[in-house]
Protein backbone atom coordinates (compact mmCIF):
# COMPACT_ATOMS: atom_id res chain seq x y z
CA UNK A 1 0.00 0.00 0.00
CA UNK A 2 1.40 3.42 0.87
CA UNK A 3 4.60 1.97 2.31
CA UNK A 4 5.22 0.44 -1.13
CA UNK A 5 5.49 3.83 -2.86
CA UNK A 6 8.65 3.95 -4.90
CA UNK A 7 10.29 6.14 -7.49
CA UNK A 8 7.82 4.76 -10.03
CA UNK A 9 4.97 6.02 -7.83
CA UNK A 10 6.52 9.49 -7.85
CA UNK A 11 6.76 9.33 -11.64
CA UNK A 12 3.10 8.28 -11.88
CA UNK A 13 2.09 11.17 -9.61
CA UNK A 14 3.94 13.57 -11.90
CA UNK A 15 2.30 11.93 -14.92
CA UNK A 16 -1.15 12.38 -13.39
CA UNK A 17 -0.37 16.03 -12.71
CA UNK A 18 0.80 16.50 -16.28
CA UNK A 19 -2.32 14.90 -17.74
CA UNK A 20 -4.57 17.04 -15.55
CA UNK A 21 -2.64 20.17 -16.54
CA UNK A 22 -3.01 19.28 -20.21
CA UNK A 23 -6.74 18.72 -19.70
CA UNK A 24 -7.06 22.11 -18.02
CA UNK A 25 -5.13 23.70 -20.87
CA UNK A 26 -7.56 22.02 -23.29
CA UNK A 27 -10.51 23.58 -21.49
CA UNK A 28 -11.36 21.41 -18.47
CA UNK A 29 -12.89 23.64 -15.77
CA UNK A 30 -10.63 23.88 -12.71
CA UNK A 31 -13.36 22.60 -10.40
CA UNK A 32 -13.13 19.18 -12.09
CA UNK A 33 -9.34 18.88 -11.96
CA UNK A 34 -9.32 17.07 -8.60
CA UNK A 35 -11.89 14.55 -9.76
CA UNK A 36 -9.94 13.90 -12.94
CA UNK A 37 -6.76 13.45 -10.91
CA UNK A 38 -8.37 10.87 -8.62
CA UNK A 39 -9.99 9.13 -11.59
CA UNK A 40 -6.68 8.81 -13.40
CA UNK A 41 -5.07 7.53 -10.19
CA UNK A 42 -7.78 4.90 -9.82
CA UNK A 43 -7.33 3.95 -13.47
CA UNK A 44 -3.60 3.50 -12.93
CA UNK A 45 -4.36 1.48 -9.81
CA UNK A 46 -6.64 -0.74 -11.90
CA UNK A 47 -3.87 -1.25 -14.43
CA UNK A 48 -1.51 -2.25 -11.60
CA UNK A 49 -4.10 -4.73 -10.33
CA UNK A 50 -4.80 -6.17 -13.78
CA UNK A 51 -1.08 -6.60 -14.43
CA UNK A 52 -0.74 -8.53 -11.17
CA UNK A 53 1.52 -5.99 -9.51
CA UNK A 54 -0.82 -5.38 -6.57
CA UNK A 55 -3.88 -6.82 -4.88
CA UNK A 56 -7.22 -5.16 -5.63
CA UNK A 57 -7.34 -3.34 -2.27
CA UNK A 58 -3.77 -2.04 -2.55
CA UNK A 59 -4.28 -1.02 -6.17
CA UNK A 60 -7.42 0.99 -5.37
CA UNK A 61 -5.93 2.68 -2.31
CA UNK A 62 -2.60 3.39 -4.02
CA UNK A 63 -4.32 4.79 -7.10
CA UNK A 64 -6.58 7.04 -5.04
CA UNK A 65 -3.64 8.27 -2.96
CA UNK A 66 -1.59 9.01 -6.09
CA UNK A 67 -4.50 11.01 -7.51
CA UNK A 68 -4.97 12.93 -4.26
CA UNK A 69 -1.26 13.67 -4.01
CA UNK A 70 -1.17 14.86 -7.62
CA UNK A 71 -4.14 17.19 -7.11
CA UNK A 72 -2.70 18.51 -3.84
CA UNK A 73 0.72 19.04 -5.37
CA UNK A 74 -0.83 20.96 -8.24
CA UNK A 75 -2.92 23.24 -6.03
CA UNK A 76 -0.09 23.72 -3.53
CA UNK A 77 2.35 24.70 -6.27
CA UNK A 78 -0.21 27.04 -7.81
CA UNK A 79 -0.81 28.75 -4.45
CA UNK A 80 2.94 29.05 -3.84
CA UNK A 81 3.56 30.63 -7.25
CA UNK A 82 0.75 33.17 -6.74
CA UNK A 83 2.35 34.38 -3.50
PDB file of N, CA and C in Angstrom:
ATOM      1  N   UNK A   1       0.849  -1.169   0.000  1.00  0.00           N
ATOM      2  CA  UNK A   1       0.000   0.000   0.000  1.00  0.00           C
ATOM      3  C   UNK A   1       0.897   1.234   0.000  1.00  0.00           C
ATOM      4  N   UNK A   2       0.664   2.167   0.890  1.00  0.00           N
ATOM      5  CA  UNK A   2       1.401   3.419   0.873  1.00  0.00           C
ATOM      6  C   UNK A   2       2.877   3.193   1.162  1.00  0.00           C
ATOM      7  N   UNK A   3       3.194   2.232   2.015  1.00  0.00           N
ATOM      8  CA  UNK A   3       4.600   1.969   2.311  1.00  0.00           C
ATOM      9  C   UNK A   3       5.335   1.413   1.094  1.00  0.00           C
ATOM     10  N   UNK A   4       4.613   0.980   0.076  1.00  0.00           N
ATOM     11  CA  UNK A   4       5.220   0.438  -1.131  1.00  0.00           C
ATOM     12  C   UNK A   4       5.492   1.496  -2.198  1.00  0.00           C
ATOM     13  N   UNK A   5       5.219   2.776  -1.886  1.00  0.00           N
ATOM     14  CA  UNK A   5       5.487   3.826  -2.862  1.00  0.00           C
ATOM     15  C   UNK A   5       6.974   3.843  -3.180  1.00  0.00           C
ATOM     16  N   UNK A   6       7.275   3.960  -4.445  1.00  0.00           N
ATOM     17  CA  UNK A   6       8.653   3.948  -4.901  1.00  0.00           C
ATOM     18  C   UNK A   6       8.858   5.118  -5.848  1.00  0.00           C
ATOM     19  N   UNK A   7      10.012   5.123  -6.484  1.00  0.00           N
ATOM     20  CA  UNK A   7      10.294   6.144  -7.489  1.00  0.00           C
ATOM     21  C   UNK A   7       9.254   6.076  -8.600  1.00  0.00           C
ATOM     22  N   UNK A   8       8.828   4.875  -8.973  1.00  0.00           N
ATOM     23  CA  UNK A   8       7.824   4.762 -10.034  1.00  0.00           C
ATOM     24  C   UNK A   8       6.507   5.397  -9.604  1.00  0.00           C
ATOM     25  N   UNK A   9       6.170   5.350  -8.320  1.00  0.00           N
ATOM     26  CA  UNK A   9       4.967   6.023  -7.834  1.00  0.00           C
ATOM     27  C   UNK A   9       5.104   7.527  -7.994  1.00  0.00           C
ATOM     28  N   UNK A  10       6.284   8.048  -7.695  1.00  0.00           N
ATOM     29  CA  UNK A  10       6.518   9.488  -7.854  1.00  0.00           C
ATOM     30  C   UNK A  10       6.393   9.888  -9.321  1.00  0.00           C
ATOM     31  N   UNK A  11       6.876   9.058 -10.203  1.00  0.00           N
ATOM     32  CA  UNK A  11       6.762   9.330 -11.636  1.00  0.00           C
ATOM     33  C   UNK A  11       5.290   9.315 -12.063  1.00  0.00           C
ATOM     34  N   UNK A  12       4.522   8.352 -11.550  1.00  0.00           N
ATOM     35  CA  UNK A  12       3.098   8.282 -11.883  1.00  0.00           C
ATOM     36  C   UNK A  12       2.345   9.496 -11.341  1.00  0.00           C
ATOM     37  N   UNK A  13       2.720   9.964 -10.165  1.00  0.00           N
ATOM     38  CA  UNK A  13       2.093  11.166  -9.612  1.00  0.00           C
ATOM     39  C   UNK A  13       2.371  12.356 -10.519  1.00  0.00           C
ATOM     40  N   UNK A  14       3.604  12.484 -10.975  1.00  0.00           N
ATOM     41  CA  UNK A  14       3.943  13.572 -11.897  1.00  0.00           C
ATOM     42  C   UNK A  14       3.193  13.421 -13.216  1.00  0.00           C
ATOM     43  N   UNK A  15       3.042  12.193 -13.688  1.00  0.00           N
ATOM     44  CA  UNK A  15       2.305  11.931 -14.923  1.00  0.00           C
ATOM     45  C   UNK A  15       0.838  12.334 -14.766  1.00  0.00           C
ATOM     46  N   UNK A  16       0.237  11.988 -13.639  1.00  0.00           N
ATOM     47  CA  UNK A  16      -1.151  12.383 -13.386  1.00  0.00           C
ATOM     48  C   UNK A  16      -1.272  13.899 -13.397  1.00  0.00           C
ATOM     49  N   UNK A  17      -0.348  14.567 -12.717  1.00  0.00           N
ATOM     50  CA  UNK A  17      -0.367  16.035 -12.710  1.00  0.00           C
ATOM     51  C   UNK A  17      -0.231  16.622 -14.101  1.00  0.00           C
ATOM     52  N   UNK A  18       0.621  16.028 -14.912  1.00  0.00           N
ATOM     53  CA  UNK A  18       0.796  16.497 -16.284  1.00  0.00           C
ATOM     54  C   UNK A  18      -0.444  16.306 -17.138  1.00  0.00           C
ATOM     55  N   UNK A  19      -1.099  15.165 -16.981  1.00  0.00           N
ATOM     56  CA  UNK A  19      -2.321  14.895 -17.741  1.00  0.00           C
ATOM     57  C   UNK A  19      -3.424  15.863 -17.334  1.00  0.00           C
ATOM     58  N   UNK A  20      -3.546  16.106 -16.033  1.00  0.00           N
ATOM     59  CA  UNK A  20      -4.569  17.042 -15.550  1.00  0.00           C
ATOM     60  C   UNK A  20      -4.270  18.457 -16.041  1.00  0.00           C
ATOM     61  N   UNK A  21      -3.015  18.844 -16.023  1.00  0.00           N
ATOM     62  CA  UNK A  21      -2.641  20.174 -16.537  1.00  0.00           C
ATOM     63  C   UNK A  21      -2.967  20.304 -18.018  1.00  0.00           C
ATOM     64  N   UNK A  22      -2.691  19.252 -18.776  1.00  0.00           N
ATOM     65  CA  UNK A  22      -3.012  19.278 -20.207  1.00  0.00           C
ATOM     66  C   UNK A  22      -4.521  19.372 -20.416  1.00  0.00           C
ATOM     67  N   UNK A  23      -5.278  18.660 -19.584  1.00  0.00           N
ATOM     68  CA  UNK A  23      -6.741  18.720 -19.696  1.00  0.00           C
ATOM     69  C   UNK A  23      -7.256  20.114 -19.365  1.00  0.00           C
ATOM     70  N   UNK A  24      -6.658  20.742 -18.368  1.00  0.00           N
ATOM     71  CA  UNK A  24      -7.060  22.113 -18.024  1.00  0.00           C
ATOM     72  C   UNK A  24      -6.696  23.070 -19.155  1.00  0.00           C
ATOM     73  N   UNK A  25      -5.547  22.863 -19.742  1.00  0.00           N
ATOM     74  CA  UNK A  25      -5.128  23.704 -20.869  1.00  0.00           C
ATOM     75  C   UNK A  25      -6.090  23.526 -22.048  1.00  0.00           C
ATOM     76  N   UNK A  26      -6.623  22.315 -22.192  1.00  0.00           N
ATOM     77  CA  UNK A  26      -7.557  22.017 -23.286  1.00  0.00           C
ATOM     78  C   UNK A  26      -8.976  22.498 -22.993  1.00  0.00           C
ATOM     79  N   UNK A  27      -9.206  23.011 -21.775  1.00  0.00           N
ATOM     80  CA  UNK A  27     -10.511  23.577 -21.485  1.00  0.00           C
ATOM     81  C   UNK A  27     -11.275  22.967 -20.331  1.00  0.00           C
ATOM     82  N   UNK A  28     -10.688  22.006 -19.625  1.00  0.00           N
ATOM     83  CA  UNK A  28     -11.363  21.413 -18.475  1.00  0.00           C
ATOM     84  C   UNK A  28     -11.516  22.474 -17.387  1.00  0.00           C
ATOM     85  N   UNK A  29     -12.722  22.683 -16.875  1.00  0.00           N
ATOM     86  CA  UNK A  29     -12.889  23.638 -15.773  1.00  0.00           C
ATOM     87  C   UNK A  29     -12.091  23.212 -14.544  1.00  0.00           C
ATOM     88  N   UNK A  30     -11.490  24.168 -13.860  1.00  0.00           N
ATOM     89  CA  UNK A  30     -10.632  23.881 -12.709  1.00  0.00           C
ATOM     90  C   UNK A  30     -11.344  23.098 -11.623  1.00  0.00           C
ATOM     91  N   UNK A  31     -12.646  23.291 -11.475  1.00  0.00           N
ATOM     92  CA  UNK A  31     -13.361  22.603 -10.398  1.00  0.00           C
ATOM     93  C   UNK A  31     -13.401  21.088 -10.599  1.00  0.00           C
ATOM     94  N   UNK A  32     -13.134  20.609 -11.809  1.00  0.00           N
ATOM     95  CA  UNK A  32     -13.130  19.176 -12.093  1.00  0.00           C
ATOM     96  C   UNK A  32     -11.734  18.570 -12.086  1.00  0.00           C
ATOM     97  N   UNK A  33     -10.716  19.378 -11.893  1.00  0.00           N
ATOM     98  CA  UNK A  33      -9.338  18.883 -11.957  1.00  0.00           C
ATOM     99  C   UNK A  33      -9.062  17.832 -10.881  1.00  0.00           C
ATOM    100  N   UNK A  34      -9.540  18.039  -9.674  1.00  0.00           N
ATOM    101  CA  UNK A  34      -9.324  17.073  -8.601  1.00  0.00           C
ATOM    102  C   UNK A  34      -9.978  15.734  -8.895  1.00  0.00           C
ATOM    103  N   UNK A  35     -11.191  15.796  -9.415  1.00  0.00           N
ATOM    104  CA  UNK A  35     -11.890  14.555  -9.763  1.00  0.00           C
ATOM    105  C   UNK A  35     -11.166  13.802 -10.872  1.00  0.00           C
ATOM    106  N   UNK A  36     -10.691  14.539 -11.858  1.00  0.00           N
ATOM    107  CA  UNK A  36      -9.941  13.900 -12.941  1.00  0.00           C
ATOM    108  C   UNK A  36      -8.668  13.267 -12.399  1.00  0.00           C
ATOM    109  N   UNK A  37      -7.997  13.968 -11.504  1.00  0.00           N
ATOM    110  CA  UNK A  37      -6.763  13.454 -10.912  1.00  0.00           C
ATOM    111  C   UNK A  37      -7.009  12.146 -10.170  1.00  0.00           C
ATOM    112  N   UNK A  38      -8.051  12.100  -9.353  1.00  0.00           N
ATOM    113  CA  UNK A  38      -8.375  10.874  -8.624  1.00  0.00           C
ATOM    114  C   UNK A  38      -8.792   9.767  -9.592  1.00  0.00           C
ATOM    115  N   UNK A  39      -9.563  10.123 -10.606  1.00  0.00           N
ATOM    116  CA  UNK A  39      -9.988   9.132 -11.595  1.00  0.00           C
ATOM    117  C   UNK A  39      -8.821   8.512 -12.331  1.00  0.00           C
ATOM    118  N   UNK A  40      -7.860   9.335 -12.714  1.00  0.00           N
ATOM    119  CA  UNK A  40      -6.680   8.807 -13.404  1.00  0.00           C
ATOM    120  C   UNK A  40      -5.878   7.926 -12.446  1.00  0.00           C
ATOM    121  N   UNK A  41      -5.769   8.353 -11.185  1.00  0.00           N
ATOM    122  CA  UNK A  41      -5.071   7.534 -10.191  1.00  0.00           C
ATOM    123  C   UNK A  41      -5.732   6.177 -10.018  1.00  0.00           C
ATOM    124  N   UNK A  42      -7.056   6.166  -9.945  1.00  0.00           N
ATOM    125  CA  UNK A  42      -7.779   4.897  -9.821  1.00  0.00           C
ATOM    126  C   UNK A  42      -7.598   4.041 -11.069  1.00  0.00           C
ATOM    127  N   UNK A  43      -7.578   4.681 -12.228  1.00  0.00           N
ATOM    128  CA  UNK A  43      -7.335   3.951 -13.469  1.00  0.00           C
ATOM    129  C   UNK A  43      -5.949   3.301 -13.459  1.00  0.00           C
ATOM    130  N   UNK A  44      -4.950   4.049 -13.021  1.00  0.00           N
ATOM    131  CA  UNK A  44      -3.597   3.496 -12.932  1.00  0.00           C
ATOM    132  C   UNK A  44      -3.529   2.382 -11.893  1.00  0.00           C
ATOM    133  N   UNK A  45      -4.277   2.549 -10.794  1.00  0.00           N
ATOM    134  CA  UNK A  45      -4.356   1.476  -9.808  1.00  0.00           C
ATOM    135  C   UNK A  45      -4.976   0.226 -10.400  1.00  0.00           C
ATOM    136  N   UNK A  46      -6.006   0.403 -11.222  1.00  0.00           N
ATOM    137  CA  UNK A  46      -6.636  -0.736 -11.896  1.00  0.00           C
ATOM    138  C   UNK A  46      -5.687  -1.431 -12.842  1.00  0.00           C
ATOM    139  N   UNK A  47      -4.869  -0.659 -13.526  1.00  0.00           N
ATOM    140  CA  UNK A  47      -3.868  -1.247 -14.429  1.00  0.00           C
ATOM    141  C   UNK A  47      -2.863  -2.063 -13.618  1.00  0.00           C
ATOM    142  N   UNK A  48      -2.450  -1.513 -12.455  1.00  0.00           N
ATOM    143  CA  UNK A  48      -1.507  -2.251 -11.598  1.00  0.00           C
ATOM    144  C   UNK A  48      -2.130  -3.557 -11.128  1.00  0.00           C
ATOM    145  N   UNK A  49      -3.414  -3.513 -10.781  1.00  0.00           N
ATOM    146  CA  UNK A  49      -4.097  -4.728 -10.326  1.00  0.00           C
ATOM    147  C   UNK A  49      -4.207  -5.736 -11.466  1.00  0.00           C
ATOM    148  N   UNK A  50      -4.620  -5.266 -12.642  1.00  0.00           N
ATOM    149  CA  UNK A  50      -4.804  -6.169 -13.783  1.00  0.00           C
ATOM    150  C   UNK A  50      -3.483  -6.791 -14.226  1.00  0.00           C
ATOM    151  N   UNK A  51      -2.383  -6.061 -14.038  1.00  0.00           N
ATOM    152  CA  UNK A  51      -1.084  -6.602 -14.433  1.00  0.00           C
ATOM    153  C   UNK A  51      -0.494  -7.506 -13.352  1.00  0.00           C
ATOM    154  N   UNK A  52      -1.197  -7.644 -12.233  1.00  0.00           N
ATOM    155  CA  UNK A  52      -0.736  -8.528 -11.174  1.00  0.00           C
ATOM    156  C   UNK A  52       0.292  -7.933 -10.246  1.00  0.00           C
ATOM    157  N   UNK A  53       0.523  -6.634 -10.354  1.00  0.00           N
ATOM    158  CA  UNK A  53       1.523  -5.988  -9.510  1.00  0.00           C
ATOM    159  C   UNK A  53       1.020  -5.858  -8.077  1.00  0.00           C
ATOM    160  N   UNK A  54      -0.265  -5.605  -7.897  1.00  0.00           N
ATOM    161  CA  UNK A  54      -0.817  -5.385  -6.569  1.00  0.00           C
ATOM    162  C   UNK A  54      -2.144  -6.116  -6.408  1.00  0.00           C
ATOM    163  N   UNK A  55      -2.557  -6.277  -5.152  1.00  0.00           N
ATOM    164  CA  UNK A  55      -3.882  -6.821  -4.876  1.00  0.00           C
ATOM    165  C   UNK A  55      -4.914  -5.747  -5.191  1.00  0.00           C
ATOM    166  N   UNK A  56      -6.164  -6.121  -5.288  1.00  0.00           N
ATOM    167  CA  UNK A  56      -7.221  -5.159  -5.632  1.00  0.00           C
ATOM    168  C   UNK A  56      -7.285  -4.029  -4.614  1.00  0.00           C
ATOM    169  N   UNK A  57      -7.264  -4.358  -3.322  1.00  0.00           N
ATOM    170  CA  UNK A  57      -7.344  -3.343  -2.274  1.00  0.00           C
ATOM    171  C   UNK A  57      -6.170  -2.366  -2.369  1.00  0.00           C
ATOM    172  N   UNK A  58      -4.954  -2.899  -2.457  1.00  0.00           N
ATOM    173  CA  UNK A  58      -3.774  -2.040  -2.554  1.00  0.00           C
ATOM    174  C   UNK A  58      -3.791  -1.196  -3.817  1.00  0.00           C
ATOM    175  N   UNK A  59      -4.239  -1.763  -4.911  1.00  0.00           N
ATOM    176  CA  UNK A  59      -4.277  -1.019  -6.169  1.00  0.00           C
ATOM    177  C   UNK A  59      -5.245   0.154  -6.078  1.00  0.00           C
ATOM    178  N   UNK A  60      -6.419  -0.086  -5.493  1.00  0.00           N
ATOM    179  CA  UNK A  60      -7.418   0.985  -5.367  1.00  0.00           C
ATOM    180  C   UNK A  60      -6.918   2.080  -4.436  1.00  0.00           C
ATOM    181  N   UNK A  61      -6.422   1.693  -3.277  1.00  0.00           N
ATOM    182  CA  UNK A  61      -5.933   2.680  -2.311  1.00  0.00           C
ATOM    183  C   UNK A  61      -4.731   3.442  -2.877  1.00  0.00           C
ATOM    184  N   UNK A  62      -3.781   2.729  -3.456  1.00  0.00           N
ATOM    185  CA  UNK A  62      -2.597   3.386  -4.023  1.00  0.00           C
ATOM    186  C   UNK A  62      -2.978   4.343  -5.139  1.00  0.00           C
ATOM    187  N   UNK A  63      -3.886   3.924  -6.012  1.00  0.00           N
ATOM    188  CA  UNK A  63      -4.320   4.792  -7.101  1.00  0.00           C
ATOM    189  C   UNK A  63      -5.013   6.043  -6.593  1.00  0.00           C
ATOM    190  N   UNK A  64      -5.891   5.881  -5.614  1.00  0.00           N
ATOM    191  CA  UNK A  64      -6.580   7.042  -5.043  1.00  0.00           C
ATOM    192  C   UNK A  64      -5.596   7.982  -4.368  1.00  0.00           C
ATOM    193  N   UNK A  65      -4.642   7.430  -3.635  1.00  0.00           N
ATOM    194  CA  UNK A  65      -3.642   8.268  -2.961  1.00  0.00           C
ATOM    195  C   UNK A  65      -2.786   9.007  -3.983  1.00  0.00           C
ATOM    196  N   UNK A  66      -2.385   8.330  -5.051  1.00  0.00           N
ATOM    197  CA  UNK A  66      -1.595   9.011  -6.089  1.00  0.00           C
ATOM    198  C   UNK A  66      -2.386  10.164  -6.695  1.00  0.00           C
ATOM    199  N   UNK A  67      -3.663   9.946  -6.964  1.00  0.00           N
ATOM    200  CA  UNK A  67      -4.497  11.015  -7.507  1.00  0.00           C
ATOM    201  C   UNK A  67      -4.648  12.170  -6.541  1.00  0.00           C
ATOM    202  N   UNK A  68      -4.853  11.871  -5.264  1.00  0.00           N
ATOM    203  CA  UNK A  68      -4.974  12.928  -4.262  1.00  0.00           C
ATOM    204  C   UNK A  68      -3.674  13.701  -4.102  1.00  0.00           C
ATOM    205  N   UNK A  69      -2.551  12.995  -4.106  1.00  0.00           N
ATOM    206  CA  UNK A  69      -1.256  13.674  -4.009  1.00  0.00           C
ATOM    207  C   UNK A  69      -1.043  14.570  -5.220  1.00  0.00           C
ATOM    208  N   UNK A  70      -1.358  14.065  -6.397  1.00  0.00           N
ATOM    209  CA  UNK A  70      -1.171  14.860  -7.615  1.00  0.00           C
ATOM    210  C   UNK A  70      -2.034  16.119  -7.577  1.00  0.00           C
ATOM    211  N   UNK A  71      -3.277  16.006  -7.144  1.00  0.00           N
ATOM    212  CA  UNK A  71      -4.140  17.193  -7.112  1.00  0.00           C
ATOM    213  C   UNK A  71      -3.675  18.158  -6.030  1.00  0.00           C
ATOM    214  N   UNK A  72      -3.215  17.643  -4.896  1.00  0.00           N
ATOM    215  CA  UNK A  72      -2.698  18.512  -3.839  1.00  0.00           C
ATOM    216  C   UNK A  72      -1.400  19.186  -4.233  1.00  0.00           C
ATOM    217  N   UNK A  73      -0.542  18.465  -4.922  1.00  0.00           N
ATOM    218  CA  UNK A  73       0.725  19.044  -5.368  1.00  0.00           C
ATOM    219  C   UNK A  73       0.471  20.155  -6.379  1.00  0.00           C
ATOM    220  N   UNK A  74      -0.508  19.947  -7.249  1.00  0.00           N
ATOM    221  CA  UNK A  74      -0.830  20.964  -8.239  1.00  0.00           C
ATOM    222  C   UNK A  74      -1.355  22.225  -7.563  1.00  0.00           C
ATOM    223  N   UNK A  75      -2.328  22.064  -6.668  1.00  0.00           N
ATOM    224  CA  UNK A  75      -2.924  23.241  -6.034  1.00  0.00           C
ATOM    225  C   UNK A  75      -1.933  23.924  -5.089  1.00  0.00           C
ATOM    226  N   UNK A  76      -1.094  23.133  -4.410  1.00  0.00           N
ATOM    227  CA  UNK A  76      -0.092  23.716  -3.534  1.00  0.00           C
ATOM    228  C   UNK A  76       0.946  24.508  -4.306  1.00  0.00           C
ATOM    229  N   UNK A  77       1.387  23.982  -5.438  1.00  0.00           N
ATOM    230  CA  UNK A  77       2.355  24.697  -6.269  1.00  0.00           C
ATOM    231  C   UNK A  77       1.740  25.959  -6.836  1.00  0.00           C
ATOM    232  N   UNK A  78       0.500  25.879  -7.254  1.00  0.00           N
ATOM    233  CA  UNK A  78      -0.207  27.038  -7.811  1.00  0.00           C
ATOM    234  C   UNK A  78      -0.325  28.134  -6.754  1.00  0.00           C
ATOM    235  N   UNK A  79      -0.683  27.767  -5.528  1.00  0.00           N
ATOM    236  CA  UNK A  79      -0.812  28.745  -4.445  1.00  0.00           C
ATOM    237  C   UNK A  79       0.549  29.362  -4.110  1.00  0.00           C
ATOM    238  N   UNK A  80       1.601  28.553  -4.128  1.00  0.00           N
ATOM    239  CA  UNK A  80       2.942  29.050  -3.836  1.00  0.00           C
ATOM    240  C   UNK A  80       3.408  30.056  -4.887  1.00  0.00           C
ATOM    241  N   UNK A  81       3.133  29.760  -6.154  1.00  0.00           N
ATOM    242  CA  UNK A  81       3.556  30.634  -7.247  1.00  0.00           C
ATOM    243  C   UNK A  81       2.811  31.966  -7.198  1.00  0.00           C
ATOM    244  N   UNK A  82       1.533  31.934  -6.818  1.00  0.00           N
ATOM    245  CA  UNK A  82       0.747  33.165  -6.742  1.00  0.00           C
ATOM    246  C   UNK A  82       1.256  34.097  -5.655  1.00  0.00           C
ATOM    247  N   UNK A  83       1.828  33.560  -4.582  1.00  0.00           N
ATOM    248  CA  UNK A  83       2.352  34.385  -3.502  1.00  0.00           C
ATOM    249  C   UNK A  83       3.707  34.904  -3.904  1.00  0.00           C
TER     250      UNK A  83
END
